[in-house]
Protein backbone atom coordinates (compact mmCIF):
# COMPACT_ATOMS: atom_id res chain seq x y z
CA MET A 1 37.92 75.46 162.57
CA ILE A 2 40.72 77.78 161.54
CA ILE A 3 43.29 75.40 163.20
CA GLY A 4 41.76 72.50 161.04
CA LEU A 5 42.10 74.49 157.89
CA ILE A 6 45.72 75.44 158.56
CA GLY A 7 46.42 71.77 159.22
CA LEU A 8 44.86 70.76 156.06
CA LEU A 9 46.89 73.28 154.14
CA VAL A 10 50.11 72.07 155.77
CA VAL A 11 49.29 68.44 154.92
CA ILE A 12 48.46 69.31 151.32
CA GLY A 13 51.58 71.43 150.88
CA SER A 14 53.82 68.78 152.30
CA LEU A 15 52.24 66.04 150.11
CA MET A 16 52.78 68.29 147.05
CA TYR A 17 56.46 68.77 148.10
CA VAL A 18 57.00 65.00 148.36
CA ILE A 19 55.31 64.33 144.99
CA VAL A 20 57.47 66.97 143.23
CA LYS A 21 60.65 65.63 144.78
CA GLN A 22 59.73 62.10 143.70
CA GLN A 23 58.93 63.05 140.19
CA GLN A 24 62.42 64.82 139.93
CA VAL A 25 64.17 61.63 141.10
CA MET A 26 62.04 59.55 138.61
CA ASP A 27 62.95 61.90 135.80
CA LYS A 28 66.63 61.71 136.57
CA LEU A 29 66.65 57.93 136.80
CA ASN A 30 64.62 57.77 133.54
CA ASN A 31 67.15 60.03 131.74
CA LYS A 32 70.00 57.70 133.00
CA LEU A 33 68.25 54.52 131.87
CA MET A 34 67.47 56.01 128.37
CA SER A 35 70.93 57.16 127.62
CA ARG A 36 73.22 54.78 125.90
CA ASN A 37 76.27 55.31 128.06
CA TYR A 38 77.35 57.65 130.92
CA THR A 39 79.11 60.14 128.36
CA GLU A 40 75.93 60.71 126.52
CA TYR A 41 73.92 61.09 129.88
CA VAL A 42 76.39 63.86 131.19
CA SER A 43 76.38 65.62 127.92
CA MET A 44 72.59 65.56 127.81
CA THR A 45 72.31 66.87 131.40
CA LYS A 46 75.12 69.51 130.90
CA ALA A 47 73.32 70.80 127.73
CA ARG A 48 70.12 71.45 129.81
CA GLU A 49 71.92 73.04 132.60
CA ASP A 50 74.24 75.37 130.47
CA PRO A 51 72.48 76.75 127.48
CA PRO A 52 74.71 77.51 124.42
CA PRO A 53 76.13 81.00 124.24
CA ASP A 54 74.38 83.56 122.03
CA ILE A 55 76.25 83.63 118.85
CA THR A 56 75.00 86.93 117.80
CA SER A 57 76.87 88.74 120.51
CA ARG A 58 80.30 87.51 119.49
CA ARG A 59 82.73 89.53 117.47
CA PRO A 60 83.52 88.20 113.93
CA MET A 61 87.25 86.81 113.77
CA SER A 62 87.87 88.24 110.36
CA TRP A 63 86.22 90.63 107.89
CA TYR A 64 84.18 87.78 106.33
CA ASP A 65 83.69 85.46 109.28
CA ASP A 66 79.91 85.20 109.16
CA PRO A 67 78.02 87.47 106.91
CA ASN A 68 74.80 87.07 108.93
CA ILE A 69 76.30 88.56 112.13
CA PRO A 70 76.19 92.30 112.02
CA ASP A 71 79.40 94.14 113.02
CA VAL A 72 79.73 94.89 116.65
CA GLU A 73 80.76 98.57 115.93
CA GLY A 74 77.60 98.94 113.83
CA ASP A 75 79.26 100.17 110.63
CA ASP A 76 76.91 100.96 107.74
CA SER A 77 78.32 98.49 105.16
């Protein structure tokens, strides 16, 4: 009985793995199909893989670069 239960769990796990992999392939092909050209597809997939950098952590380039970003040194002005 325990061997049957283990076998059933192995079959269910392998079927779930196959279904997830098939869904990933279908999603990738759907994204390729829906994009207008290859450049748009590449930019869309790169945007998902590489999130934009956090702009609040960059240093201002001048004294009035962006008034919404606090100074990195933490001055009281």
